[in-house]
Protein backbone atom coordinates (compact mmCIF):
# COMPACT_ATOMS: atom_id res chain seq x y z
CA UNK A 1 -130.36 88.32 35.38
CA UNK A 2 -133.95 87.99 34.16
CA UNK A 3 -134.09 85.61 31.17
CA UNK A 4 -137.04 84.64 28.99
CA UNK A 5 -140.69 85.66 29.33
CA UNK A 6 -140.22 88.49 26.82
CA UNK A 7 -143.59 87.87 25.20
CA UNK A 8 -145.38 87.90 28.56
CA UNK A 9 -143.48 90.98 29.70
CA UNK A 10 -144.33 92.83 26.49
CA UNK A 11 -148.01 92.04 26.94
CA UNK A 12 -148.01 93.19 30.56
CA UNK A 13 -146.32 96.43 29.58
CA UNK A 14 -148.80 96.98 26.75
CA UNK A 15 -151.71 96.56 29.13
CA UNK A 16 -150.05 98.79 31.71
CA UNK A 17 -149.63 101.63 29.22
CA UNK A 18 -153.37 101.72 28.45
CA UNK A 19 -153.81 103.51 31.80
CA UNK A 20 -157.22 101.83 32.06
CA UNK A 21 -158.50 99.25 34.51
CA UNK A 22 -156.98 95.84 33.89
CA UNK A 23 -157.46 92.46 35.56
CA UNK A 24 -154.87 89.89 34.48
CA UNK A 25 -155.27 86.27 35.56
CA UNK A 26 -151.86 84.56 35.65
CA UNK A 27 -151.43 80.86 36.40
CA UNK A 28 -149.05 77.95 35.91
CA UNK A 29 -147.48 75.06 37.78
CA UNK A 30 -145.34 75.70 40.84
CA UNK A 31 -141.69 76.74 40.36
CA UNK A 32 -142.36 77.98 36.82
CA UNK A 33 -141.38 81.59 37.53
CA UNK A 34 -144.68 83.43 37.92
CA UNK A 35 -143.47 85.37 40.98
CA UNK A 36 -140.22 86.31 39.21
CA UNK A 37 -142.22 87.60 36.23
CA UNK A 38 -144.47 89.73 38.46
CA UNK A 39 -141.48 91.04 40.43
CA UNK A 40 -139.70 92.05 37.22
CA UNK A 41 -142.82 93.71 35.84
CA UNK A 42 -143.55 95.85 38.91
CA UNK A 43 -140.00 97.20 39.25
CA UNK A 44 -140.09 100.98 39.26
CA UNK A 45 -143.89 101.06 39.36
CA UNK A 46 -146.25 101.87 42.22
CA UNK A 47 -147.40 98.44 43.30
CA UNK A 48 -149.06 96.56 46.13
CA UNK A 49 -147.66 93.03 46.19
CA UNK A 50 -149.35 90.48 48.43
CA UNK A 51 -148.89 86.71 48.70
CA UNK A 52 -151.77 84.63 50.02
CA UNK A 53 -150.86 82.18 52.77
CA UNK A 54 -152.35 78.85 53.85
CA UNK A 55 -153.96 80.41 56.89
CA UNK A 56 -157.27 81.91 57.99
CA UNK A 57 -159.03 85.03 56.72
CA UNK A 58 -157.93 87.26 59.60
CA UNK A 59 -154.26 86.42 59.24
CA UNK A 60 -154.33 87.05 55.48
CA UNK A 61 -156.18 90.34 56.07
CA UNK A 62 -153.44 91.44 58.46
CA UNK A 63 -150.77 90.70 55.83
CA UNK A 64 -152.76 92.32 53.05
CA UNK A 65 -153.21 95.47 55.14
CA UNK A 66 -149.47 95.75 55.71
CA UNK A 67 -148.87 95.31 51.97
CA UNK A 68 -151.31 98.10 51.18
CA UNK A 69 -149.79 100.51 53.68
CA UNK A 70 -146.27 100.00 52.31
CA UNK A 71 -147.03 102.05 49.21
CA UNK A 72 -149.23 104.83 50.49
CA UNK A 73 -150.03 107.01 53.47
CA UNK A 74 -153.18 108.48 52.00
CA UNK A 75 -155.47 105.76 53.33
CA UNK A 76 -157.48 107.16 56.20
CA UNK A 77 -157.69 104.02 58.31
CA UNK A 78 -156.20 104.87 61.68
CA UNK A 79 -155.29 101.31 62.58
CA UNK A 80 -152.44 99.43 60.86
CA UNK A 81 -154.95 96.71 59.86
CA UNK A 82 -158.21 97.16 57.95
CA UNK A 83 -161.32 95.94 59.73
CA UNK A 84 -162.38 93.81 56.78
CA UNK A 85 -161.64 92.90 53.16
CA UNK A 86 -164.38 95.26 52.03
CA UNK A 87 -162.57 98.21 53.62
CA UNK A 88 -159.19 97.09 52.26
CA UNK A 89 -160.40 96.73 48.68
CA UNK A 90 -162.35 99.98 48.87
CA UNK A 91 -159.14 101.76 49.86
CA UNK A 92 -157.15 100.22 46.99
CA UNK A 93 -159.78 101.00 44.34
CA UNK A 94 -160.22 104.55 45.64
CA UNK A 95 -156.48 105.23 45.53
CA UNK A 96 -156.35 104.04 41.92
CA UNK A 97 -158.96 106.54 40.79
CA UNK A 98 -156.31 109.15 40.11
CA UNK A 99 -153.08 107.21 39.58
CA UNK A 100 -151.82 103.93 38.12
CA UNK A 101 -151.42 101.30 40.85
CA UNK A 102 -150.64 97.61 40.40
CA UNK A 103 -152.38 95.30 42.85
CA UNK A 104 -150.70 91.90 42.54
CA UNK A 105 -152.13 89.01 44.56
CA UNK A 106 -149.81 86.00 44.39
CA UNK A 107 -151.14 82.56 45.39
CA UNK A 108 -154.68 83.86 45.10
CA UNK A 109 -156.16 80.37 45.79
CA UNK A 110 -154.81 80.48 49.37
CA UNK A 111 -156.51 83.82 49.93
CA UNK A 112 -159.75 82.46 48.43
CA UNK A 113 -159.69 79.29 50.53
CA UNK A 114 -159.18 81.36 53.68
CA UNK A 115 -161.91 83.86 52.80
CA UNK A 116 -164.53 82.30 50.53
CA UNK A 117 -166.18 85.61 49.68
CA UNK A 118 -163.13 87.31 48.18
CA UNK A 119 -164.02 86.58 44.52
CA UNK A 120 -167.55 87.91 44.93
CA UNK A 121 -166.21 90.97 46.72
CA UNK A 122 -163.72 91.62 43.93
CA UNK A 123 -166.52 91.23 41.40
CA UNK A 124 -168.52 93.92 43.19
CA UNK A 125 -165.65 96.41 43.23
CA UNK A 126 -164.64 95.69 39.63
CA UNK A 127 -168.20 96.27 38.43
CA UNK A 128 -168.39 99.48 40.44
CA UNK A 129 -165.04 101.00 39.44
CA UNK A 130 -163.89 99.40 36.15
CA UNK A 131 -164.96 102.36 33.99
CA UNK A 132 -163.12 104.97 36.07
CA UNK A 133 -160.30 103.07 37.78
CA UNK A 134 -156.62 103.01 36.82
CA UNK A 135 -156.05 99.89 38.93
CA UNK A 136 -154.01 97.06 37.38
CA UNK A 137 -154.93 93.82 39.15
CA UNK A 138 -152.91 90.61 38.80
CA UNK A 139 -154.46 87.47 40.27
CA UNK A 140 -151.82 84.75 40.26
CA UNK A 141 -152.04 81.11 41.31
CA UNK A 142 -150.23 77.77 41.10
CA UNK A 143 -153.32 75.59 41.47
CA UNK A 144 -154.23 75.11 37.82
CA UNK A 145 -157.59 73.51 38.54
CA UNK A 146 -158.60 76.34 40.91
CA UNK A 147 -157.51 79.12 38.57
CA UNK A 148 -159.17 77.54 35.54
CA UNK A 149 -162.42 76.65 37.31
CA UNK A 150 -162.81 79.10 40.18
CA UNK A 151 -161.34 82.20 38.55
CA UNK A 152 -161.64 81.76 34.79
CA UNK A 153 -164.59 79.33 34.84
CA UNK A 154 -168.14 80.20 33.82
CA UNK A 155 -169.49 79.70 37.35
CA UNK A 156 -166.89 81.97 38.97
CA UNK A 157 -168.00 85.39 40.26
CA UNK A 158 -165.00 86.75 38.37
CA UNK A 159 -166.10 85.28 35.05
CA UNK A 160 -166.03 88.01 32.41
CA UNK A 161 -164.11 90.44 34.64
CA UNK A 162 -160.63 89.56 33.46
CA UNK A 163 -159.11 91.64 30.70
CA UNK A 164 -156.30 89.15 29.96
CA UNK A 165 -155.08 85.74 31.05
CA UNK A 166 -151.62 84.20 30.95
CA UNK A 167 -150.77 80.55 31.43
CA UNK A 168 -147.09 80.57 32.31
CA UNK A 169 -145.33 77.50 30.94
CA UNK A 170 -141.84 76.13 31.60
CA UNK A 171 -139.05 77.39 29.36
CA UNK A 172 -138.82 75.75 25.98
CA UNK A 173 -135.47 74.49 24.73
CA UNK A 174 -134.48 77.79 23.08
CA UNK A 175 -135.13 79.67 26.33
CA UNK A 176 -133.22 77.02 28.29
CA UNK A 177 -130.28 77.43 25.94
CA UNK A 178 -130.44 81.20 26.45
CA UNK A 179 -130.52 80.68 30.22
CA UNK A 180 -127.26 78.68 30.09
CA UNK A 181 -125.64 80.78 27.34
CA UNK A 182 -122.69 81.90 29.46
CA UNK A 183 -122.42 79.03 31.92
CA UNK A 184 -119.95 76.77 30.13
CA UNK A 185 -122.28 73.85 29.40
CA UNK A 186 -121.91 72.46 25.87
CA UNK A 187 -124.91 71.95 23.59
CA UNK A 188 -125.42 68.30 24.55
CA UNK A 189 -125.22 69.24 28.22
CA UNK A 190 -127.97 71.82 27.73
CA UNK A 191 -130.21 69.26 26.03
CA UNK A 192 -129.77 66.89 28.97
CA UNK A 193 -130.35 69.66 31.51
CA UNK A 194 -133.54 70.54 29.65
CA UNK A 195 -134.51 66.88 29.69
CA UNK A 196 -134.13 66.43 33.45
CA UNK A 197 -135.67 69.75 34.52
CA UNK A 198 -138.42 70.12 31.95
CA UNK A 199 -137.33 73.73 31.51
CA UNK A 200 -138.74 74.77 34.91
CA UNK A 201 -136.81 77.94 35.81
CA UNK A 202 -136.31 77.11 39.49
CA UNK A 203 -134.82 73.72 38.64
CA UNK A 204 -132.58 75.29 36.01
CA UNK A 205 -131.32 77.74 38.63
CA UNK A 206 -130.24 74.80 40.81
CA UNK A 207 -127.82 73.52 38.16
CA UNK A 208 -124.30 74.48 39.22
CA UNK A 209 -122.21 75.65 36.26
CA UNK A 210 -119.05 74.64 38.15
CA UNK A 211 -120.15 71.00 38.06
CA UNK A 212 -120.64 68.55 35.22
CA UNK A 213 -124.16 67.45 34.32
CA UNK A 214 -123.39 64.09 35.93
CA UNK A 215 -122.42 65.76 39.19
CA UNK A 216 -125.47 68.01 39.05
CA UNK A 217 -127.66 64.92 38.75
CA UNK A 218 -125.88 63.28 41.66
CA UNK A 219 -126.11 66.39 43.80
CA UNK A 220 -129.71 67.33 42.95
CA UNK A 221 -131.49 64.00 42.40
CA UNK A 222 -129.31 61.26 43.85
CA UNK A 223 -128.63 62.69 47.31
CA UNK A 224 -131.20 62.55 50.15
CA UNK A 225 -130.25 66.18 50.84
CA UNK A 226 -130.74 67.27 47.21
CA UNK A 227 -133.57 69.69 46.49
CA UNK A 228 -134.92 67.64 43.61
CA UNK A 229 -134.80 64.36 45.53
CA UNK A 230 -138.03 65.14 47.41
CA UNK A 231 -139.52 67.67 44.99
CA UNK A 232 -142.08 65.44 43.18
CA UNK A 233 -143.40 64.09 46.48
CA UNK A 234 -143.73 67.58 47.91
CA UNK A 235 -145.63 68.82 44.86
CA UNK A 236 -148.00 65.84 44.89
CA UNK A 237 -148.73 66.36 48.60
CA UNK A 238 -149.54 70.02 47.94
CA UNK A 239 -151.94 69.26 45.09
CA UNK A 240 -153.46 65.83 45.85
CA UNK A 241 -155.29 64.34 48.82
CA UNK A 242 -154.15 60.74 48.33
CA UNK A 243 -150.50 61.01 47.32
CA UNK A 244 -149.83 57.27 47.49
CA UNK A 245 -152.38 56.53 44.76
CA UNK A 246 -151.13 59.34 42.54
CA UNK A 247 -147.53 58.26 43.02
CA UNK A 248 -148.41 54.72 41.94
CA UNK A 249 -150.12 55.98 38.78
CA UNK A 250 -147.24 58.30 37.86
CA UNK A 251 -144.74 55.50 38.39
CA UNK A 252 -146.81 53.15 36.24
CA UNK A 253 -146.83 55.66 33.39
CA UNK A 254 -143.11 56.36 33.79
CA UNK A 255 -142.51 52.62 33.63
CA UNK A 256 -144.15 52.30 30.24
CA UNK A 257 -147.86 51.77 30.92
CA UNK A 258 -149.69 54.12 28.59
CA UNK A 259 -153.25 52.91 28.05
CA UNK A 260 -155.85 53.33 30.76
CA UNK A 261 -156.35 49.58 31.15
CA UNK A 262 -152.59 49.04 31.47
CA UNK A 263 -152.19 51.78 34.07
CA UNK A 264 -155.20 50.59 36.08
CA UNK A 265 -153.96 46.99 36.00
CA UNK A 266 -150.48 47.96 37.10
CA UNK A 267 -151.71 49.90 40.14
CA UNK A 268 -154.55 47.45 40.98
CA UNK A 269 -157.37 49.92 40.48
CA UNK A 270 -160.71 49.86 38.67
CA UNK A 271 -160.47 51.73 35.35
CA UNK A 272 -163.16 54.32 36.16
CA UNK A 273 -161.53 55.26 39.45
CA UNK A 274 -158.08 55.29 37.83
CA UNK A 275 -159.43 57.63 35.17
CA UNK A 276 -160.53 60.16 37.81
CA UNK A 277 -157.04 60.16 39.35
CA UNK A 278 -155.47 60.61 35.90
CA UNK A 279 -157.81 63.52 35.17
CA UNK A 280 -156.58 65.22 38.34
CA UNK A 281 -152.96 64.69 37.26
CA UNK A 282 -153.83 66.16 33.88
CA UNK A 283 -155.43 69.20 35.52
CA UNK A 284 -152.19 70.01 37.36
CA UNK A 285 -150.02 69.48 34.29
CA UNK A 286 -148.20 66.28 35.27
CA UNK A 287 -149.90 63.88 32.84
CA UNK A 288 -151.09 64.50 29.29
CA UNK A 289 -153.46 62.59 27.04
CA UNK A 290 -152.22 61.86 23.54
CA UNK A 291 -153.80 60.47 20.42
CA UNK A 292 -152.25 59.82 17.01
CA UNK A 293 -151.87 62.97 14.94
CA UNK A 294 -155.18 64.09 13.40
CA UNK A 295 -157.09 61.28 15.13
CA UNK A 296 -158.90 63.24 17.82
CA UNK A 297 -161.35 60.39 18.37
CA UNK A 298 -159.16 57.32 18.58
CA UNK A 299 -159.06 53.97 20.32
CA UNK A 300 -155.29 54.39 20.43
CA UNK A 301 -155.36 57.16 23.05
CA UNK A 302 -152.44 56.95 25.48
CA UNK A 303 -151.23 58.80 28.57
CA UNK A 304 -147.72 60.05 29.19
CA UNK A 305 -145.89 62.30 31.65
CA UNK A 306 -146.04 65.92 30.59
CA UNK A 307 -143.54 67.24 33.16
CA UNK A 308 -139.87 66.65 32.34
CA UNK A 309 -138.65 66.57 35.93
CA UNK A 310 -141.37 64.08 36.93
CA UNK A 311 -140.52 61.97 33.88
CA UNK A 312 -136.85 61.78 34.84
CA UNK A 313 -137.49 61.31 38.55
CA UNK A 314 -140.02 58.50 38.27
CA UNK A 315 -138.06 56.79 35.52
CA UNK A 316 -134.88 56.50 37.57
CA UNK A 317 -135.14 57.42 41.24
CA UNK A 318 -137.52 54.78 42.69
CA UNK A 319 -135.49 51.90 41.22
CA UNK A 320 -132.30 53.29 42.76
CA UNK A 321 -133.73 54.40 46.09
CA UNK A 322 -131.75 51.81 48.08
CA UNK A 323 -128.44 53.21 46.76
CA UNK A 324 -129.53 56.83 47.23
CA UNK A 325 -130.69 56.34 50.82
CA UNK A 326 -127.29 54.83 51.63
CA UNK A 327 -125.41 57.77 50.15
CA UNK A 328 -124.20 55.82 47.13
CA UNK A 329 -124.86 58.37 44.40
CA UNK A 330 -122.07 56.93 42.23
CA UNK A 331 -123.68 53.48 42.24
CA UNK A 332 -127.09 54.97 41.49
CA UNK A 333 -125.73 56.99 38.59
CA UNK A 334 -123.96 53.90 37.28
CA UNK A 335 -127.38 52.27 36.90
CA UNK A 336 -128.87 55.34 35.23
CA UNK A 337 -126.11 56.31 32.82
CA UNK A 338 -126.61 53.47 30.27
CA UNK A 339 -130.30 54.46 29.97
CA UNK A 340 -129.86 58.19 29.45
CA UNK A 341 -129.53 57.99 25.65
CA UNK A 342 -132.83 56.12 25.40
CA UNK A 343 -134.45 58.56 27.83
CA UNK A 344 -133.28 61.50 25.75
CA UNK A 345 -134.95 60.10 22.64
CA UNK A 346 -138.34 61.49 23.68
CA UNK A 347 -136.76 64.74 24.86
CA UNK A 348 -135.05 65.18 21.49
CA UNK A 349 -138.35 64.68 19.69
CA UNK A 350 -139.80 67.57 21.68
CA UNK A 351 -136.75 69.74 20.95
CA UNK A 352 -137.11 69.01 17.23
CA UNK A 353 -140.83 69.77 17.26
CA UNK A 354 -140.12 73.12 18.93
CA UNK A 355 -137.50 73.81 16.23
CA UNK A 356 -140.05 73.12 13.49
CA UNK A 357 -142.52 75.47 15.15
CA UNK A 358 -139.91 78.24 15.34
CA UNK A 359 -139.06 77.75 11.68
CA UNK A 360 -142.75 77.65 10.83
CA UNK A 361 -143.55 80.91 12.61
CA UNK A 362 -140.59 82.63 10.92
CA UNK A 363 -141.72 81.37 7.47
CA UNK A 364 -138.59 79.26 6.96
CA UNK A 365 -140.33 76.05 5.87
CA UNK A 366 -141.72 74.99 2.46
CA UNK A 367 -145.23 75.81 3.72
CA UNK A 368 -146.90 77.09 6.87
CA UNK A 369 -148.29 74.18 8.87
CA UNK A 370 -151.24 74.48 11.25
CA UNK A 371 -150.47 71.66 13.70
CA UNK A 372 -147.82 69.08 14.51
CA UNK A 373 -147.78 65.88 16.51
CA UNK A 374 -146.75 62.28 16.85
CA UNK A 375 -148.41 59.39 15.02
CA UNK A 376 -148.57 55.70 15.77
CA UNK A 377 -150.71 52.94 14.33
CA UNK A 378 -150.80 49.89 12.08
CA UNK A 379 -149.12 49.56 8.72
CA UNK A 380 -151.73 47.40 7.04
CA UNK A 381 -149.39 46.76 4.14
CA UNK A 382 -146.92 45.00 6.42
CA UNK A 383 -149.38 44.09 9.18
CA UNK A 384 -147.14 45.62 11.83
CA UNK A 385 -147.19 48.50 14.29
CA UNK A 386 -145.17 51.57 13.41
CA UNK A 387 -144.80 55.21 14.38
CA UNK A 388 -143.66 58.55 13.00
CA UNK A 389 -141.94 60.95 15.39
CA UNK A 390 -143.45 64.16 13.97
CA UNK A 391 -146.04 64.98 11.34
CA UNK A 392 -146.94 68.59 10.54
CA UNK A 393 -149.47 69.51 7.89
CA UNK A 394 -151.69 72.02 6.18
CA UNK A 395 -154.27 70.63 3.75
CA UNK A 396 -152.29 68.91 0.98
CA UNK A 397 -148.80 69.60 2.36
CA UNK A 398 -147.05 67.60 5.07
CA UNK A 399 -143.73 67.29 6.86
CA UNK A 400 -142.62 63.88 8.14
CA UNK A 401 -139.75 63.90 10.64
CA UNK A 402 -137.49 61.38 12.33
CA UNK A 403 -135.40 62.30 15.38
CA UNK A 404 -132.34 60.22 16.33
CA UNK A 405 -130.45 60.87 19.58
CA UNK A 406 -127.59 58.41 19.16
CA UNK A 407 -123.82 58.63 18.96
CA UNK A 408 -123.86 56.90 15.56
CA UNK A 409 -124.29 58.78 12.32
CA UNK A 410 -127.73 58.33 10.83
CA UNK A 411 -127.70 56.03 7.80
CA UNK A 412 -129.73 56.12 4.61
CA UNK A 413 -132.06 53.35 5.82
CA UNK A 414 -133.59 55.81 8.33
CA UNK A 415 -134.56 58.08 5.44
CA UNK A 416 -135.99 55.22 3.39
CA UNK A 417 -138.07 53.96 6.31
CA UNK A 418 -139.55 57.41 6.87
CA UNK A 419 -140.36 57.81 3.17
CA UNK A 420 -141.97 54.38 3.13
CA UNK A 421 -144.12 55.09 6.19
CA UNK A 422 -145.27 58.39 4.74
CA UNK A 423 -147.00 56.26 2.12
CA UNK A 424 -149.66 55.55 4.74
CA UNK A 425 -150.82 59.14 4.26
CA UNK A 426 -152.31 60.73 1.16
CA UNK A 427 -150.76 64.17 1.00
CA UNK A 428 -149.93 65.71 -2.37
CA UNK A 429 -146.66 67.30 -1.25
CA UNK A 430 -144.43 65.51 1.23
CA UNK A 431 -141.29 66.86 2.86
CA UNK A 432 -138.87 64.89 5.02
CA UNK A 433 -136.79 66.17 7.92
CA UNK A 434 -134.21 63.94 9.60
CA UNK A 435 -132.76 65.24 12.87
CA UNK A 436 -129.58 63.70 14.27
CA UNK A 437 -127.59 64.22 17.45
CA UNK A 438 -124.26 63.36 15.79
CA UNK A 439 -124.61 63.64 12.03
CA UNK A 440 -125.19 61.59 8.89
CA UNK A 441 -123.37 58.99 6.85
CA UNK A 442 -122.13 59.78 3.36
CA UNK A 443 -124.89 57.57 1.91
CA UNK A 444 -127.57 59.52 3.79
CA UNK A 445 -126.12 62.85 2.61
CA UNK A 446 -126.00 61.59 -0.98
CA UNK A 447 -129.64 60.46 -0.77
CA UNK A 448 -130.75 63.86 0.57
CA UNK A 449 -128.73 65.76 -2.04
CA UNK A 450 -130.58 63.88 -4.77
CA UNK A 451 -134.02 64.94 -3.48
CA UNK A 452 -135.19 68.51 -2.98
CA UNK A 453 -137.72 67.47 -0.32
CA UNK A 454 -135.29 65.82 2.14
CA UNK A 455 -133.62 67.92 4.83
CA UNK A 456 -130.86 66.62 7.10
CA UNK A 457 -130.52 68.68 10.29
CA UNK A 458 -127.76 67.98 12.84
CA UNK A 459 -128.40 68.90 16.46
CA UNK A 460 -125.76 71.64 16.32
CA UNK A 461 -128.00 73.56 13.89
CA UNK A 462 -131.09 73.47 16.11
C-alpha cells in the first residue's frame, strides 16, 4: 500500500496533465522513498525508467538503451544499444514529439559521474525541443550536494531548464501515524517508532507489527545482523571520503557537544577544519545548524543531529557495542531503556511543533503565525540560563509552548514557569500551549480554565 506523498503526487499529476514539456528535479536523502514515489506516479503511463549505476559511461549507456527499448519499437536503431548518449536522447525526444512519455532517471548523479557531459547534452536537447516536446523528464538523486549544486545550481548546464523541483523529506509524525494505522501499535509506540527511524519510509517498513517496539529495536539496531545496525556507517561511506572523521563528529554531537568549539575539542580537530566537515554533514542532511528563535545572527549558534535514526544510533549503539557484538541484545537494551524517556523529549518537541503547524495551516489557532522555533538564552532578571521549547509568532502575537514527555501528570508549576519566561519577550498578545504525554494535574487544569490564553493538550489529542 502506498502511503503519504499525496502533495507530491498531486503536483506530479498536475504537471503531467499539462501535456507540455516538463523537467522535474527530485532529490532527498537515501531511503526516503523517492523511487517508490516515481514508481507509483508512472503506473499506467508510458514511461522509460532508468537507474544510474556506479559504473562507467559505456555500461550505463547499455542499461539506458535497454530501458528505452522496453517501451517502444519505433526507434530505428538496428542494434540493441545506442552508439552514444546523443543518439539515445535524440530518440527519446523525437518519440515524445507526438505522445506523452515520462523519462525518469533515478540516481542521476551516478550517470553524471560516469559521463561528465550528460548535463550539457540534456541542456542542448531541452533547448532544442522544449517548445514542441511532450516529454516529462524526472531527474532524481540521493546526493543532496550534487543535486543542489550540479543540477539546480547557477553554474549547472541545467540551470533554468527545470520546470519544478521537489525535495523529498522523511515522513512527518502524522504520516508515520497513518503508515502504522492498522498495524496494532499504540500511540506511544508510534511516537517511539518515529523517534528511532526519523520517519524514513524504508526504516518504517522494517518495523515488524508482530513484535513489540522493544523487540523491533533489539532486532533492527541491537543485532549485528540487523539492517539498521550498520546503516549509518554505510550511508557515511557512500557520502563521505573520510568516514572516521565524520563518525567522530556525529558521535560528539550525539553525546551533547553542540557548539563548534566543543565539537572540535571533543574530536581533537582545529575549529576551521571541523567546520568544513560539519558543513558537509549539513549538506547531506545529517546535521543542522540552529540559533535561538528570531536570532539569525547569534553567538549562541549550536549544531544538532537532524536525522532521527542517526540521533538514536549514535546516542545508544556505540556505548553498547561490546554487548551487541557478543549477541547480548537484552543487556544492551537494559542499558538503553532507562534513557528512552529523556531521548524522546526532543522527539516530542518536534511532534508538537508539527502539530502547531498543522493547526496553523488549517486556521485553528488564535492567529496565523509565520515561523516557529526553539529559544534558549539568559534570563537577565535571574541571571540564569533558560529555554523555551517552542515559540511561534506573527508581529505582536506569540505562542509559547512547553512539551513534557513524562509518565507524571504535568503540574501547575510548569505553566507558571512558561508564563514567567515569556516575560523576556515583548509581545502584546501571548498564548500558552502545554503539551503532555500523560495528562495534567487538577491544579494545572484549574489554572488553565481560569485563563482564556492557556491551552492544555494531551498527547492523545495530537
